[in-house]
Amino acid sequence: MANTEGDLPSRYRKIPYLIVRMILAFSSGAIAVALDAANPLTAFYLGASAPIVLDKLAQGALPTLPSKDANE
């Protein structure tokens, strides 16, 4: 059932939820910096994919960067 009064669900007001969301926001920016985003659009995509990247890191799969020789 839709909330027609405009109130937020109670889970969005809880401190643990807000802390996790802030950590996710900061880690999204950190991922873009750590993976050396070439331009703002790349940084946006890296930040938007942060939940997926963090999930893969938690599973032990490290991202692979292209080698410098591949660009030449």
C-alpha atoms as a PDB file:
ATOM      1  CA  MET A   1       0.000   0.000   0.000  1.00  0.00           C
ATOM      2  CA  ALA A   2       1.379   3.399  -0.979  1.00  0.00           C
ATOM      3  CA  ASN A   3       2.110   6.028   1.625  1.00  0.00           C
ATOM      4  CA  THR A   4      -0.055   8.990   0.596  1.00  0.00           C
ATOM      5  CA  GLU A   5       0.742  11.253   3.553  1.00  0.00           C
ATOM      6  CA  GLY A   6       4.339  11.923   2.499  1.00  0.00           C
ATOM      7  CA  ASP A   7       5.919  10.385   5.602  1.00  0.00           C
ATOM      8  CA  LEU A   8       9.186   8.504   5.292  1.00  0.00           C
ATOM      9  CA  PRO A   9       9.262   4.853   6.294  1.00  0.00           C
ATOM     10  CA  SER A  10      10.695   4.468   9.792  1.00  0.00           C
ATOM     11  CA  ARG A  11      13.814   2.598   8.598  1.00  0.00           C
ATOM     12  CA  TYR A  12      15.038   5.780   6.865  1.00  0.00           C
ATOM     13  CA  ARG A  13      15.087   7.608  10.192  1.00  0.00           C
ATOM     14  CA  LYS A  14      17.242   5.080  12.040  1.00  0.00           C
ATOM     15  CA  ILE A  15      20.844   5.979  12.794  1.00  0.00           C
ATOM     16  CA  PRO A  16      22.401   2.680  11.536  1.00  0.00           C
ATOM     17  CA  TYR A  17      20.706   3.130   8.170  1.00  0.00           C
ATOM     18  CA  LEU A  18      21.979   6.708   7.864  1.00  0.00           C
ATOM     19  CA  ILE A  19      25.514   5.668   8.835  1.00  0.00           C
ATOM     20  CA  VAL A  20      25.581   2.879   6.247  1.00  0.00           C
ATOM     21  CA  ARG A  21      24.291   5.243   3.543  1.00  0.00           C
ATOM     22  CA  MET A  22      26.969   7.818   4.416  1.00  0.00           C
ATOM     23  CA  ILE A  23      29.672   5.148   4.272  1.00  0.00           C
ATOM     24  CA  LEU A  24      28.364   4.055   0.879  1.00  0.00           C
ATOM     25  CA  ALA A  25      28.400   7.634  -0.408  1.00  0.00           C
ATOM     26  CA  PHE A  26      31.973   8.242   0.780  1.00  0.00           C
ATOM     27  CA  SER A  27      33.170   4.886  -0.537  1.00  0.00           C
ATOM     28  CA  SER A  28      31.627   5.657  -3.928  1.00  0.00           C
ATOM     29  CA  GLY A  29      33.855   8.709  -4.211  1.00  0.00           C
ATOM     30  CA  ALA A  30      36.845   6.823  -2.859  1.00  0.00           C
ATOM     31  CA  ILE A  31      36.438   4.096  -5.475  1.00  0.00           C
ATOM     32  CA  ALA A  32      36.471   6.678  -8.266  1.00  0.00           C
ATOM     33  CA  VAL A  33      39.678   8.182  -6.845  1.00  0.00           C
ATOM     34  CA  ALA A  34      41.357   4.839  -6.103  1.00  0.00           C
ATOM     35  CA  LEU A  35      40.688   3.468  -9.579  1.00  0.00           C
ATOM     36  CA  ASP A  36      41.931   6.754 -11.097  1.00  0.00           C
ATOM     37  CA  ALA A  37      38.871   7.846 -13.070  1.00  0.00           C
ATOM     38  CA  ALA A  38      39.989   9.439 -16.327  1.00  0.00           C
ATOM     39  CA  ASN A  39      37.126  11.941 -16.557  1.00  0.00           C
ATOM     40  CA  PRO A  40      33.975  13.022 -14.675  1.00  0.00           C
ATOM     41  CA  LEU A  41      31.719  10.611 -16.581  1.00  0.00           C
ATOM     42  CA  THR A  42      33.932   7.664 -15.671  1.00  0.00           C
ATOM     43  CA  ALA A  43      33.985   8.846 -12.063  1.00  0.00           C
ATOM     44  CA  PHE A  44      30.165   8.984 -12.093  1.00  0.00           C
ATOM     45  CA  TYR A  45      29.904   5.428 -13.436  1.00  0.00           C
ATOM     46  CA  LEU A  46      32.409   4.133 -10.893  1.00  0.00           C
ATOM     47  CA  GLY A  47      30.510   5.838  -8.093  1.00  0.00           C
ATOM     48  CA  ALA A  48      27.172   4.538  -9.333  1.00  0.00           C
ATOM     49  CA  SER A  49      28.537   1.003  -9.489  1.00  0.00           C
ATOM     50  CA  ALA A  50      30.060   1.231  -6.002  1.00  0.00           C
ATOM     51  CA  PRO A  51      27.572  -1.190  -4.403  1.00  0.00           C
ATOM     52  CA  ILE A  52      28.509  -3.847  -6.969  1.00  0.00           C
ATOM     53  CA  VAL A  53      32.234  -3.157  -6.600  1.00  0.00           C
ATOM     54  CA  LEU A  54      32.004  -3.329  -2.797  1.00  0.00           C
ATOM     55  CA  ASP A  55      30.072  -6.589  -3.006  1.00  0.00           C
ATOM     56  CA  LYS A  56      32.745  -8.123  -5.256  1.00  0.00           C
ATOM     57  CA  LEU A  57      35.517  -6.887  -2.954  1.00  0.00           C
ATOM     58  CA  ALA A  58      33.716  -8.467  -0.010  1.00  0.00           C
ATOM     59  CA  GLN A  59      33.652 -11.745  -1.940  1.00  0.00           C
ATOM     60  CA  GLY A  60      37.393 -11.498  -2.567  1.00  0.00           C
ATOM     61  CA  ALA A  61      37.320 -10.621  -6.270  1.00  0.00           C
ATOM     62  CA  LEU A  62      39.717  -7.732  -6.868  1.00  0.00           C
ATOM     63  CA  PRO A  63      39.155  -5.444  -9.874  1.00  0.00           C
ATOM     64  CA  THR A  64      41.725  -5.669 -12.649  1.00  0.00           C
ATOM     65  CA  LEU A  65      42.968  -2.555 -14.354  1.00  0.00           C
ATOM     66  CA  PRO A  66      44.187  -2.548 -17.967  1.00  0.00           C
ATOM     67  CA  SER A  67      47.943  -2.657 -18.300  1.00  0.00           C
ATOM     68  CA  LYS A  68      49.836   0.429 -19.437  1.00  0.00           C
ATOM     69  CA  ASP A  69      50.995  -1.510 -22.541  1.00  0.00           C
ATOM     70  CA  ALA A  70      47.392  -1.955 -23.707  1.00  0.00           C
ATOM     71  CA  ASN A  71      47.027   1.821 -24.178  1.00  0.00           C
ATOM     72  CA  GLU A  72      49.957   2.093 -26.574  1.00  0.00           C
END
